[in-house]
PDB file of N, CA and C in Angstrom:
ATOM      1  N   MET A   1      48.800  44.668  -5.319  1.00  0.00           N
ATOM      2  CA  MET A   1      48.742  44.628  -3.868  1.00  0.00           C
ATOM      3  C   MET A   1      47.433  45.240  -3.394  1.00  0.00           C
ATOM      4  N   ALA A   2      46.970  44.867  -2.235  1.00  0.00           N
ATOM      5  CA  ALA A   2      45.664  45.280  -1.716  1.00  0.00           C
ATOM      6  C   ALA A   2      45.517  46.795  -1.657  1.00  0.00           C
ATOM      7  N   LYS A   3      46.501  47.468  -1.110  1.00  0.00           N
ATOM      8  CA  LYS A   3      46.426  48.922  -0.972  1.00  0.00           C
ATOM      9  C   LYS A   3      46.248  49.579  -2.330  1.00  0.00           C
ATOM     10  N   ASP A   4      47.019  49.141  -3.305  1.00  0.00           N
ATOM     11  CA  ASP A   4      46.948  49.722  -4.649  1.00  0.00           C
ATOM     12  C   ASP A   4      45.604  49.446  -5.317  1.00  0.00           C
ATOM     13  N   ALA A   5      45.047  48.256  -5.099  1.00  0.00           N
ATOM     14  CA  ALA A   5      43.749  47.914  -5.675  1.00  0.00           C
ATOM     15  C   ALA A   5      42.659  48.830  -5.111  1.00  0.00           C
ATOM     16  N   CYS A   6      42.716  49.100  -3.824  1.00  0.00           N
ATOM     17  CA  CYS A   6      41.727  49.992  -3.216  1.00  0.00           C
ATOM     18  C   CYS A   6      41.876  51.410  -3.765  1.00  0.00           C
ATOM     19  N   ILE A   7      43.091  51.889  -3.847  1.00  0.00           N
ATOM     20  CA  ILE A   7      43.338  53.239  -4.359  1.00  0.00           C
ATOM     21  C   ILE A   7      42.827  53.370  -5.786  1.00  0.00           C
ATOM     22  N   ALA A   8      43.019  52.335  -6.594  1.00  0.00           N
ATOM     23  CA  ALA A   8      42.548  52.354  -7.984  1.00  0.00           C
ATOM     24  C   ALA A   8      41.027  52.505  -8.060  1.00  0.00           C
ATOM     25  N   GLU A   9      40.329  52.101  -6.996  1.00  0.00           N
ATOM     26  CA  GLU A   9      38.866  52.213  -6.943  1.00  0.00           C
ATOM     27  C   GLU A   9      38.420  53.481  -6.212  1.00  0.00           C
ATOM     28  N   GLY A  10      39.374  54.359  -5.889  1.00  0.00           N
ATOM     29  CA  GLY A  10      39.041  55.583  -5.158  1.00  0.00           C
ATOM     30  C   GLY A  10      38.712  55.321  -3.705  1.00  0.00           C
ATOM     31  N   ALA A  11      39.322  54.296  -3.126  1.00  0.00           N
ATOM     32  CA  ALA A  11      39.036  53.882  -1.754  1.00  0.00           C
ATOM     33  C   ALA A  11      40.353  53.648  -1.014  1.00  0.00           C
ATOM     34  N   HIS A  12      40.261  53.088   0.173  1.00  0.00           N
ATOM     35  CA  HIS A  12      41.441  52.670   0.934  1.00  0.00           C
ATOM     36  C   HIS A  12      41.083  51.403   1.687  1.00  0.00           C
ATOM     37  N   LEU A  13      42.085  50.702   2.199  1.00  0.00           N
ATOM     38  CA  LEU A  13      41.821  49.510   3.001  1.00  0.00           C
ATOM     39  C   LEU A  13      40.966  49.905   4.204  1.00  0.00           C
ATOM     40  N   VAL A  14      40.071  49.024   4.590  1.00  0.00           N
ATOM     41  CA  VAL A  14      39.122  49.321   5.657  1.00  0.00           C
ATOM     42  C   VAL A  14      39.841  49.581   6.981  1.00  0.00           C
ATOM     43  N   SER A  15      39.275  50.513   7.734  1.00  0.00           N
ATOM     44  CA  SER A  15      39.773  50.801   9.081  1.00  0.00           C
ATOM     45  C   SER A  15      38.576  50.823  10.025  1.00  0.00           C
ATOM     46  N   PHE A  16      38.849  50.613  11.301  1.00  0.00           N
ATOM     47  CA  PHE A  16      37.780  50.680  12.301  1.00  0.00           C
ATOM     48  C   PHE A  16      38.373  51.227  13.580  1.00  0.00           C
ATOM     49  N   GLN A  17      37.793  52.321  14.044  1.00  0.00           N
ATOM     50  CA  GLN A  17      38.288  52.993  15.236  1.00  0.00           C
ATOM     51  C   GLN A  17      37.482  52.650  16.478  1.00  0.00           C
ATOM     52  N   THR A  18      36.287  52.120  16.289  1.00  0.00           N
ATOM     53  CA  THR A  18      35.439  51.818  17.443  1.00  0.00           C
ATOM     54  C   THR A  18      35.064  50.338  17.415  1.00  0.00           C
ATOM     55  N   VAL A  19      34.595  49.851  18.544  1.00  0.00           N
ATOM     56  CA  VAL A  19      34.141  48.465  18.633  1.00  0.00           C
ATOM     57  C   VAL A  19      32.964  48.242  17.684  1.00  0.00           C
ATOM     58  N   GLU A  20      32.096  49.242  17.570  1.00  0.00           N
ATOM     59  CA  GLU A  20      30.939  49.122  16.675  1.00  0.00           C
ATOM     60  C   GLU A  20      31.384  48.987  15.222  1.00  0.00           C
ATOM     61  N   GLU A  21      32.365  49.779  14.811  1.00  0.00           N
ATOM     62  CA  GLU A  21      32.882  49.661  13.438  1.00  0.00           C
ATOM     63  C   GLU A  21      33.536  48.299  13.224  1.00  0.00           C
ATOM     64  N   TYR A  22      34.280  47.837  14.207  1.00  0.00           N
ATOM     65  CA  TYR A  22      34.894  46.513  14.118  1.00  0.00           C
ATOM     66  C   TYR A  22      33.827  45.440  13.933  1.00  0.00           C
ATOM     67  N   HIS A  23      32.757  45.498  14.728  1.00  0.00           N
ATOM     68  CA  HIS A  23      31.702  44.498  14.623  1.00  0.00           C
ATOM     69  C   HIS A  23      31.010  44.543  13.262  1.00  0.00           C
ATOM     70  N   ALA A  24      30.892  45.722  12.672  1.00  0.00           N
ATOM     71  CA  ALA A  24      30.306  45.829  11.333  1.00  0.00           C
ATOM     72  C   ALA A  24      31.212  45.150  10.306  1.00  0.00           C
ATOM     73  N   VAL A  25      32.520  45.366  10.399  1.00  0.00           N
ATOM     74  CA  VAL A  25      33.470  44.717   9.482  1.00  0.00           C
ATOM     75  C   VAL A  25      33.456  43.214   9.720  1.00  0.00           C
ATOM     76  N   ARG A  26      33.457  42.816  10.969  1.00  0.00           N
ATOM     77  CA  ARG A  26      33.434  41.385  11.291  1.00  0.00           C
ATOM     78  C   ARG A  26      32.181  40.713  10.737  1.00  0.00           C
ATOM     79  N   ALA A  27      31.024  41.348  10.888  1.00  0.00           N
ATOM     80  CA  ALA A  27      29.780  40.784  10.360  1.00  0.00           C
ATOM     81  C   ALA A  27      29.864  40.618   8.848  1.00  0.00           C
ATOM     82  N   TYR A  28      30.469  41.585   8.186  1.00  0.00           N
ATOM     83  CA  TYR A  28      30.645  41.492   6.732  1.00  0.00           C
ATOM     84  C   TYR A  28      31.547  40.306   6.381  1.00  0.00           C
ATOM     85  N   VAL A  29      32.664  40.193   7.078  1.00  0.00           N
ATOM     86  CA  VAL A  29      33.598  39.092   6.818  1.00  0.00           C
ATOM     87  C   VAL A  29      32.920  37.749   7.062  1.00  0.00           C
ATOM     88  N   GLU A  30      32.188  37.635   8.159  1.00  0.00           N
ATOM     89  CA  GLU A  30      31.502  36.377   8.468  1.00  0.00           C
ATOM     90  C   GLU A  30      30.476  36.020   7.394  1.00  0.00           C
ATOM     91  N   ALA A  31      29.837  37.022   6.819  1.00  0.00           N
ATOM     92  CA  ALA A  31      28.818  36.773   5.797  1.00  0.00           C
ATOM     93  C   ALA A  31      29.424  36.406   4.444  1.00  0.00           C
ATOM     94  N   VAL A  32      30.615  36.913   4.167  1.00  0.00           N
ATOM     95  CA  VAL A  32      31.213  36.748   2.840  1.00  0.00           C
ATOM     96  C   VAL A  32      32.231  35.618   2.764  1.00  0.00           C
ATOM     97  N   TRP A  33      33.057  35.471   3.792  1.00  0.00           N
ATOM     98  CA  TRP A  33      34.147  34.510   3.746  1.00  0.00           C
ATOM     99  C   TRP A  33      34.019  33.465   4.852  1.00  0.00           C
ATOM    100  N   PRO A  34      34.253  32.215   4.540  1.00  0.00           N
ATOM    101  CA  PRO A  34      34.270  31.185   5.588  1.00  0.00           C
ATOM    102  C   PRO A  34      35.575  31.256   6.387  1.00  0.00           C
ATOM    103  N   LEU A  35      35.576  30.653   7.560  1.00  0.00           N
ATOM    104  CA  LEU A  35      36.807  30.563   8.349  1.00  0.00           C
ATOM    105  C   LEU A  35      37.680  29.492   7.713  1.00  0.00           C
ATOM    106  N   THR A  36      38.757  29.920   7.082  1.00  0.00           N
ATOM    107  CA  THR A  36      39.597  28.988   6.327  1.00  0.00           C
ATOM    108  C   THR A  36      41.044  28.972   6.781  1.00  0.00           C
ATOM    109  N   GLY A  37      41.378  29.757   7.762  1.00  0.00           N
ATOM    110  CA  GLY A  37      42.770  29.836   8.174  1.00  0.00           C
ATOM    111  C   GLY A  37      43.543  30.907   7.431  1.00  0.00           C
ATOM    112  N   GLU A  38      42.860  31.663   6.598  1.00  0.00           N
ATOM    113  CA  GLU A  38      43.499  32.747   5.850  1.00  0.00           C
ATOM    114  C   GLU A  38      43.357  34.059   6.609  1.00  0.00           C
ATOM    115  N   GLN A  39      43.973  35.089   6.065  1.00  0.00           N
ATOM    116  CA  GLN A  39      43.865  36.413   6.653  1.00  0.00           C
ATOM    117  C   GLN A  39      43.352  37.385   5.602  1.00  0.00           C
ATOM    118  N   ILE A  40      42.673  38.433   6.054  1.00  0.00           N
ATOM    119  CA  ILE A  40      42.158  39.469   5.175  1.00  0.00           C
ATOM    120  C   ILE A  40      42.871  40.765   5.526  1.00  0.00           C
ATOM    121  N   ALA A  41      43.446  41.403   4.531  1.00  0.00           N
ATOM    122  CA  ALA A  41      44.159  42.655   4.770  1.00  0.00           C
ATOM    123  C   ALA A  41      43.190  43.763   5.157  1.00  0.00           C
ATOM    124  N   VAL A  42      43.544  44.498   6.210  1.00  0.00           N
ATOM    125  CA  VAL A  42      42.810  45.689   6.623  1.00  0.00           C
ATOM    126  C   VAL A  42      43.805  46.848   6.644  1.00  0.00           C
ATOM    127  N   GLY A  43      43.321  48.043   6.906  1.00  0.00           N
ATOM    128  CA  GLY A  43      44.127  49.239   6.717  1.00  0.00           C
ATOM    129  C   GLY A  43      45.071  49.654   7.815  1.00  0.00           C
ATOM    130  N   GLY A  44      45.497  48.750   8.665  1.00  0.00           N
ATOM    131  CA  GLY A  44      46.481  49.097   9.684  1.00  0.00           C
ATOM    132  C   GLY A  44      47.886  48.933   9.139  1.00  0.00           C
ATOM    133  N   LYS A  45      48.764  49.832   9.521  1.00  0.00           N
ATOM    134  CA  LYS A  45      50.163  49.739   9.104  1.00  0.00           C
ATOM    135  C   LYS A  45      51.039  50.000  10.311  1.00  0.00           C
ATOM    136  N   LYS A  46      51.873  49.016  10.620  1.00  0.00           N
ATOM    137  CA  LYS A  46      52.784  49.173  11.750  1.00  0.00           C
ATOM    138  C   LYS A  46      54.020  49.931  11.280  1.00  0.00           C
ATOM    139  N   MET A  47      54.412  50.906  12.059  1.00  0.00           N
ATOM    140  CA  MET A  47      55.575  51.711  11.701  1.00  0.00           C
ATOM    141  C   MET A  47      56.840  50.865  11.773  1.00  0.00           C
ATOM    142  N   HIS A  48      57.660  50.994  10.758  1.00  0.00           N
ATOM    143  CA  HIS A  48      58.904  50.233  10.641  1.00  0.00           C
ATOM    144  C   HIS A  48      59.838  50.586  11.790  1.00  0.00           C
ATOM    145  N   MET A  49      60.701  49.665  12.114  1.00  0.00           N
ATOM    146  CA  MET A  49      61.596  49.828  13.264  1.00  0.00           C
ATOM    147  C   MET A  49      62.493  51.056  13.154  1.00  0.00           C
ATOM    148  N   THR A  50      62.708  51.592  11.959  1.00  0.00           N
ATOM    149  CA  THR A  50      63.544  52.786  11.814  1.00  0.00           C
ATOM    150  C   THR A  50      62.730  54.072  11.944  1.00  0.00           C
ATOM    151  N   HIS A  51      61.426  53.972  12.053  1.00  0.00           N
ATOM    152  CA  HIS A  51      60.532  55.127  12.163  1.00  0.00           C
ATOM    153  C   HIS A  51      60.520  55.627  13.602  1.00  0.00           C
ATOM    154  N   ALA A  52      60.253  56.916  13.774  1.00  0.00           N
ATOM    155  CA  ALA A  52      60.210  57.508  15.123  1.00  0.00           C
ATOM    156  C   ALA A  52      59.159  56.851  16.010  1.00  0.00           C
ATOM    157  N   HIS A  53      58.080  56.346  15.417  1.00  0.00           N
ATOM    158  CA  HIS A  53      57.013  55.689  16.176  1.00  0.00           C
ATOM    159  C   HIS A  53      57.059  54.176  15.943  1.00  0.00           C
ATOM    160  N   ALA A  54      58.245  53.616  15.946  1.00  0.00           N
ATOM    161  CA  ALA A  54      58.444  52.190  15.650  1.00  0.00           C
ATOM    162  C   ALA A  54      57.527  51.305  16.474  1.00  0.00           C
ATOM    163  N   GLY A  55      56.881  50.354  15.792  1.00  0.00           N
ATOM    164  CA  GLY A  55      56.025  49.390  16.449  1.00  0.00           C
ATOM    165  C   GLY A  55      54.593  49.837  16.662  1.00  0.00           C
ATOM    166  N   GLU A  56      54.322  51.142  16.587  1.00  0.00           N
ATOM    167  CA  GLU A  56      52.956  51.632  16.731  1.00  0.00           C
ATOM    168  C   GLU A  56      52.195  51.354  15.439  1.00  0.00           C
ATOM    169  N   VAL A  57      50.879  51.182  15.564  1.00  0.00           N
ATOM    170  CA  VAL A  57      50.061  50.874  14.398  1.00  0.00           C
ATOM    171  C   VAL A  57      49.137  52.048  14.111  1.00  0.00           C
ATOM    172  N   TYR A  58      49.124  52.443  12.843  1.00  0.00           N
ATOM    173  CA  TYR A  58      48.279  53.534  12.374  1.00  0.00           C
ATOM    174  C   TYR A  58      47.384  53.017  11.261  1.00  0.00           C
ATOM    175  N   TRP A  59      46.199  53.610  11.138  1.00  0.00           N
ATOM    176  CA  TRP A  59      45.326  53.289  10.023  1.00  0.00           C
ATOM    177  C   TRP A  59      45.801  54.043   8.793  1.00  0.00           C
ATOM    178  N   VAL A  60      45.429  53.566   7.636  1.00  0.00           N
ATOM    179  CA  VAL A  60      45.806  54.242   6.393  1.00  0.00           C
ATOM    180  C   VAL A  60      45.230  55.650   6.334  1.00  0.00           C
ATOM    181  N   THR A  61      44.260  55.946   7.167  1.00  0.00           N
ATOM    182  CA  THR A  61      43.666  57.280   7.241  1.00  0.00           C
ATOM    183  C   THR A  61      44.539  58.245   8.039  1.00  0.00           C
ATOM    184  N   GLY A  62      45.607  57.727   8.658  1.00  0.00           N
ATOM    185  CA  GLY A  62      46.517  58.544   9.447  1.00  0.00           C
ATOM    186  C   GLY A  62      46.233  58.527  10.937  1.00  0.00           C
ATOM    187  N   GLU A  63      45.114  57.943  11.339  1.00  0.00           N
ATOM    188  CA  GLU A  63      44.760  57.884  12.756  1.00  0.00           C
ATOM    189  C   GLU A  63      45.514  56.757  13.448  1.00  0.00           C
ATOM    190  N   LYS A  64      45.957  57.007  14.683  1.00  0.00           N
ATOM    191  CA  LYS A  64      46.596  55.958  15.457  1.00  0.00           C
ATOM    192  C   LYS A  64      45.557  54.910  15.829  1.00  0.00           C
ATOM    193  N   MET A  65      45.922  53.641  15.717  1.00  0.00           N
ATOM    194  CA  MET A  65      45.000  52.571  16.061  1.00  0.00           C
ATOM    195  C   MET A  65      44.880  52.495  17.578  1.00  0.00           C
ATOM    196  N   GLU A  66      43.679  52.725  18.059  1.00  0.00           N
ATOM    197  CA  GLU A  66      43.426  52.710  19.500  1.00  0.00           C
ATOM    198  C   GLU A  66      42.682  51.451  19.931  1.00  0.00           C
ATOM    199  N   ILE A  67      41.952  50.824  19.033  1.00  0.00           N
ATOM    200  CA  ILE A  67      41.145  49.653  19.359  1.00  0.00           C
ATOM    201  C   ILE A  67      42.072  48.448  19.569  1.00  0.00           C
ATOM    202  N   ASP A  68      41.800  47.658  20.578  1.00  0.00           N
ATOM    203  CA  ASP A  68      42.649  46.510  20.884  1.00  0.00           C
ATOM    204  C   ASP A  68      41.876  45.219  20.640  1.00  0.00           C
ATOM    205  N   ILE A  69      41.988  44.722  19.426  1.00  0.00           N
ATOM    206  CA  ILE A  69      41.351  43.449  19.077  1.00  0.00           C
ATOM    207  C   ILE A  69      42.400  42.516  18.482  1.00  0.00           C
ATOM    208  N   TRP A  70      43.578  42.566  19.044  1.00  0.00           N
ATOM    209  CA  TRP A  70      44.697  41.755  18.581  1.00  0.00           C
ATOM    210  C   TRP A  70      44.595  40.340  19.150  1.00  0.00           C
ATOM    211  N   ALA A  71      45.077  39.383  18.386  1.00  0.00           N
ATOM    212  CA  ALA A  71      45.240  38.023  18.892  1.00  0.00           C
ATOM    213  C   ALA A  71      46.286  38.064  20.011  1.00  0.00           C
ATOM    214  N   ASP A  72      46.352  37.018  20.823  1.00  0.00           N
ATOM    215  CA  ASP A  72      47.337  36.965  21.906  1.00  0.00           C
ATOM    216  C   ASP A  72      48.740  37.242  21.389  1.00  0.00           C
ATOM    217  N   GLU A  73      49.466  38.051  22.143  1.00  0.00           N
ATOM    218  CA  GLU A  73      50.862  38.386  21.866  1.00  0.00           C
ATOM    219  C   GLU A  73      51.049  39.123  20.544  1.00  0.00           C
ATOM    220  N   GLU A  74      50.020  39.781  20.062  1.00  0.00           N
ATOM    221  CA  GLU A  74      50.101  40.597  18.854  1.00  0.00           C
ATOM    222  C   GLU A  74      49.893  42.057  19.237  1.00  0.00           C
ATOM    223  N   PRO A  75      50.422  42.980  18.472  1.00  0.00           N
ATOM    224  CA  PRO A  75      51.326  42.809  17.340  1.00  0.00           C
ATOM    225  C   PRO A  75      52.721  42.447  17.837  1.00  0.00           C
ATOM    226  N   ASN A  76      53.408  41.589  17.091  1.00  0.00           N
ATOM    227  CA  ASN A  76      54.692  41.122  17.592  1.00  0.00           C
ATOM    228  C   ASN A  76      55.818  41.040  16.564  1.00  0.00           C
ATOM    229  N   ASP A  77      55.528  40.913  15.297  1.00  0.00           N
ATOM    230  CA  ASP A  77      56.595  40.732  14.299  1.00  0.00           C
ATOM    231  C   ASP A  77      57.327  42.051  14.059  1.00  0.00           C
ATOM    232  N   ASP A  78      58.614  42.054  14.363  1.00  0.00           N
ATOM    233  CA  ASP A  78      59.390  43.290  14.303  1.00  0.00           C
ATOM    234  C   ASP A  78      59.272  44.036  12.977  1.00  0.00           C
ATOM    235  N   TYR A  79      59.376  43.343  11.867  1.00  0.00           N
ATOM    236  CA  TYR A  79      59.389  44.014  10.578  1.00  0.00           C
ATOM    237  C   TYR A  79      58.110  43.788   9.785  1.00  0.00           C
ATOM    238  N   ALA A  80      57.112  43.181  10.385  1.00  0.00           N
ATOM    239  CA  ALA A  80      55.853  42.930   9.693  1.00  0.00           C
ATOM    240  C   ALA A  80      55.016  44.200   9.726  1.00  0.00           C
ATOM    241  N   GLU A  81      54.875  44.843   8.592  1.00  0.00           N
ATOM    242  CA  GLU A  81      54.236  46.151   8.558  1.00  0.00           C
ATOM    243  C   GLU A  81      52.742  46.119   8.270  1.00  0.00           C
ATOM    244  N   CYS A  82      52.210  45.035   7.727  1.00  0.00           N
ATOM    245  CA  CYS A  82      50.797  44.998   7.346  1.00  0.00           C
ATOM    246  C   CYS A  82      49.945  44.391   8.451  1.00  0.00           C
ATOM    247  N   THR A  83      48.645  44.726   8.429  1.00  0.00           N
ATOM    248  CA  THR A  83      47.714  44.259   9.447  1.00  0.00           C
ATOM    249  C   THR A  83      46.616  43.445   8.789  1.00  0.00           C
ATOM    250  N   TYR A  84      46.265  42.336   9.431  1.00  0.00           N
ATOM    251  CA  TYR A  84      45.275  41.409   8.882  1.00  0.00           C
ATOM    252  C   TYR A  84      44.243  41.052   9.937  1.00  0.00           C
ATOM    253  N   LEU A  85      43.057  40.717   9.455  1.00  0.00           N
ATOM    254  CA  LEU A  85      42.004  40.171  10.291  1.00  0.00           C
ATOM    255  C   LEU A  85      42.007  38.669  10.045  1.00  0.00           C
ATOM    256  N   ASN A  86      42.163  37.893  11.105  1.00  0.00           N
ATOM    257  CA  ASN A  86      42.256  36.435  10.972  1.00  0.00           C
ATOM    258  C   ASN A  86      40.917  35.814  10.621  1.00  0.00           C
ATOM    259  N   ARG A  87      40.975  34.819   9.759  1.00  0.00           N
ATOM    260  CA  ARG A  87      39.807  33.986   9.492  1.00  0.00           C
ATOM    261  C   ARG A  87      40.089  32.584  10.000  1.00  0.00           C
ATOM    262  N   TYR A  88      40.825  32.508  11.092  1.00  0.00           N
ATOM    263  CA  TYR A  88      41.127  31.228  11.708  1.00  0.00           C
ATOM    264  C   TYR A  88      39.942  30.788  12.552  1.00  0.00           C
ATOM    265  N   THR A  89      39.917  29.508  12.867  1.00  0.00           N
ATOM    266  CA  THR A  89      38.942  29.053  13.856  1.00  0.00           C
ATOM    267  C   THR A  89      39.470  29.469  15.232  1.00  0.00           C
ATOM    268  N   THR A  90      38.712  29.210  16.259  1.00  0.00           N
ATOM    269  CA  THR A  90      39.112  29.634  17.597  1.00  0.00           C
ATOM    270  C   THR A  90      40.528  29.181  17.906  1.00  0.00           C
ATOM    271  N   PRO A  91      41.281  29.872  18.709  1.00  0.00           N
ATOM    272  CA  PRO A  91      40.895  31.021  19.523  1.00  0.00           C
ATOM    273  C   PRO A  91      41.145  32.372  18.835  1.00  0.00           C
ATOM    274  N   TYR A  92      41.613  32.393  17.600  1.00  0.00           N
ATOM    275  CA  TYR A  92      42.005  33.666  16.986  1.00  0.00           C
ATOM    276  C   TYR A  92      41.049  34.170  15.921  1.00  0.00           C
ATOM    277  N   ALA A  93      39.865  33.578  15.818  1.00  0.00           N
ATOM    278  CA  ALA A  93      38.915  34.002  14.795  1.00  0.00           C
ATOM    279  C   ALA A  93      38.586  35.489  14.939  1.00  0.00           C
ATOM    280  N   PHE A  94      38.750  36.205  13.852  1.00  0.00           N
ATOM    281  CA  PHE A  94      38.398  37.617  13.735  1.00  0.00           C
ATOM    282  C   PHE A  94      39.215  38.545  14.621  1.00  0.00           C
ATOM    283  N   LEU A  95      40.356  38.083  15.088  1.00  0.00           N
ATOM    284  CA  LEU A  95      41.272  38.949  15.815  1.00  0.00           C
ATOM    285  C   LEU A  95      42.376  39.385  14.856  1.00  0.00           C
ATOM    286  N   MET A  96      43.056  40.473  15.181  1.00  0.00           N
ATOM    287  CA  MET A  96      44.055  41.018  14.269  1.00  0.00           C
ATOM    288  C   MET A  96      45.441  40.451  14.532  1.00  0.00           C
ATOM    289  N   ASP A  97      46.231  40.506  13.467  1.00  0.00           N
ATOM    290  CA  ASP A  97      47.595  39.993  13.473  1.00  0.00           C
ATOM    291  C   ASP A  97      48.428  40.905  12.586  1.00  0.00           C
ATOM    292  N   ASP A  98      49.632  41.216  13.027  1.00  0.00           N
ATOM    293  CA  ASP A  98      50.552  41.903  12.123  1.00  0.00           C
ATOM    294  C   ASP A  98      51.341  40.827  11.398  1.00  0.00           C
ATOM    295  N   ASN A  99      51.617  41.062  10.153  1.00  0.00           N
ATOM    296  CA  ASN A  99      52.296  40.065   9.353  1.00  0.00           C
ATOM    297  C   ASN A  99      53.003  40.766   8.202  1.00  0.00           C
ATOM    298  N   TYR A 100      53.793  40.008   7.478  1.00  0.00           N
ATOM    299  CA  TYR A 100      54.449  40.561   6.307  1.00  0.00           C
ATOM    300  C   TYR A 100      53.422  40.798   5.217  1.00  0.00           C
ATOM    301  N   CYS A 101      53.632  41.797   4.401  1.00  0.00           N
ATOM    302  CA  CYS A 101      52.693  42.127   3.338  1.00  0.00           C
ATOM    303  C   CYS A 101      52.780  41.071   2.241  1.00  0.00           C
ATOM    304  N   PHE A 102      51.621  40.544   1.859  1.00  0.00           N
ATOM    305  CA  PHE A 102      51.555  39.514   0.826  1.00  0.00           C
ATOM    306  C   PHE A 102      51.138  40.156  -0.484  1.00  0.00           C
ATOM    307  N   SER A 103      51.582  39.597  -1.596  1.00  0.00           N
ATOM    308  CA  SER A 103      51.214  40.162  -2.890  1.00  0.00           C
ATOM    309  C   SER A 103      49.857  39.668  -3.360  1.00  0.00           C
ATOM    310  N   SER A 104      49.479  38.457  -3.031  1.00  0.00           N
ATOM    311  CA  SER A 104      48.160  37.953  -3.411  1.00  0.00           C
ATOM    312  C   SER A 104      47.391  37.665  -2.137  1.00  0.00           C
ATOM    313  N   GLU A 105      46.474  38.565  -1.810  1.00  0.00           N
ATOM    314  CA  GLU A 105      45.758  38.463  -0.553  1.00  0.00           C
ATOM    315  C   GLU A 105      44.320  38.921  -0.733  1.00  0.00           C
ATOM    316  N   GLU A 106      43.482  38.520   0.179  1.00  0.00           N
ATOM    317  CA  GLU A 106      42.120  39.027   0.200  1.00  0.00           C
ATOM    318  C   GLU A 106      42.120  40.287   1.054  1.00  0.00           C
ATOM    319  N   PHE A 107      41.243  41.195   0.721  1.00  0.00           N
ATOM    320  CA  PHE A 107      41.246  42.480   1.407  1.00  0.00           C
ATOM    321  C   PHE A 107      39.865  43.110   1.328  1.00  0.00           C
ATOM    322  N   ILE A 108      39.654  44.132   2.148  1.00  0.00           N
ATOM    323  CA  ILE A 108      38.403  44.877   2.151  1.00  0.00           C
ATOM    324  C   ILE A 108      38.740  46.350   1.952  1.00  0.00           C
ATOM    325  N   CYS A 109      38.121  46.943   0.941  1.00  0.00           N
ATOM    326  CA  CYS A 109      38.266  48.371   0.700  1.00  0.00           C
ATOM    327  C   CYS A 109      37.119  49.117   1.359  1.00  0.00           C
ATOM    328  N   GLU A 110      37.359  50.361   1.655  1.00  0.00           N
ATOM    329  CA  GLU A 110      36.353  51.240   2.254  1.00  0.00           C
ATOM    330  C   GLU A 110      36.322  52.509   1.432  1.00  0.00           C
ATOM    331  N   LYS A 111      35.134  52.910   1.041  1.00  0.00           N
ATOM    332  CA  LYS A 111      34.993  54.109   0.225  1.00  0.00           C
ATOM    333  C   LYS A 111      33.897  54.969   0.827  1.00  0.00           C
ATOM    334  N   TYR A 112      34.212  56.204   1.072  1.00  0.00           N
ATOM    335  CA  TYR A 112      33.218  57.132   1.604  1.00  0.00           C
ATOM    336  C   TYR A 112      32.474  57.756   0.433  1.00  0.00           C
ATOM    337  N   LEU A 113      31.178  57.733   0.530  1.00  0.00           N
ATOM    338  CA  LEU A 113      30.343  58.353  -0.502  1.00  0.00           C
ATOM    339  C   LEU A 113      30.046  59.778  -0.087  1.00  0.00           C
ATOM    340  N   SER A 114      30.173  60.694  -1.023  1.00  0.00           N
ATOM    341  CA  SER A 114      29.867  62.084  -0.694  1.00  0.00           C
ATOM    342  C   SER A 114      28.360  62.275  -0.616  1.00  0.00           C
ATOM    343  N   THR A 115      27.944  63.169   0.258  1.00  0.00           N
ATOM    344  CA  THR A 115      26.505  63.384   0.443  1.00  0.00           C
ATOM    345  C   THR A 115      26.036  64.623  -0.266  1.00  0.00           C
TER     346      THR A 115
END
């Protein structure tokens, strides 16, 4: 699974708290992957309906997701805990979607280098 693959590399799924960080991730995705109708896993996790913060989305870093770059009517799937960046053509290109976690998916890891 994507999360486990990132952890094995000493990283975590990518997160973005600001519009600038989002645009950097988007530029990377646009350069590497064509728009094919697929989704790329990112580090957002929606709290399960039994959790005290049900429906809220947090980054794998523990920060609450404040940036709003969701596709129309997203996040919406009650039990869909994983977050993806769409590679669809318009109108949802590069917008986020909550969905069920897939076992074989494309993903982006983020690793902080120590200085």
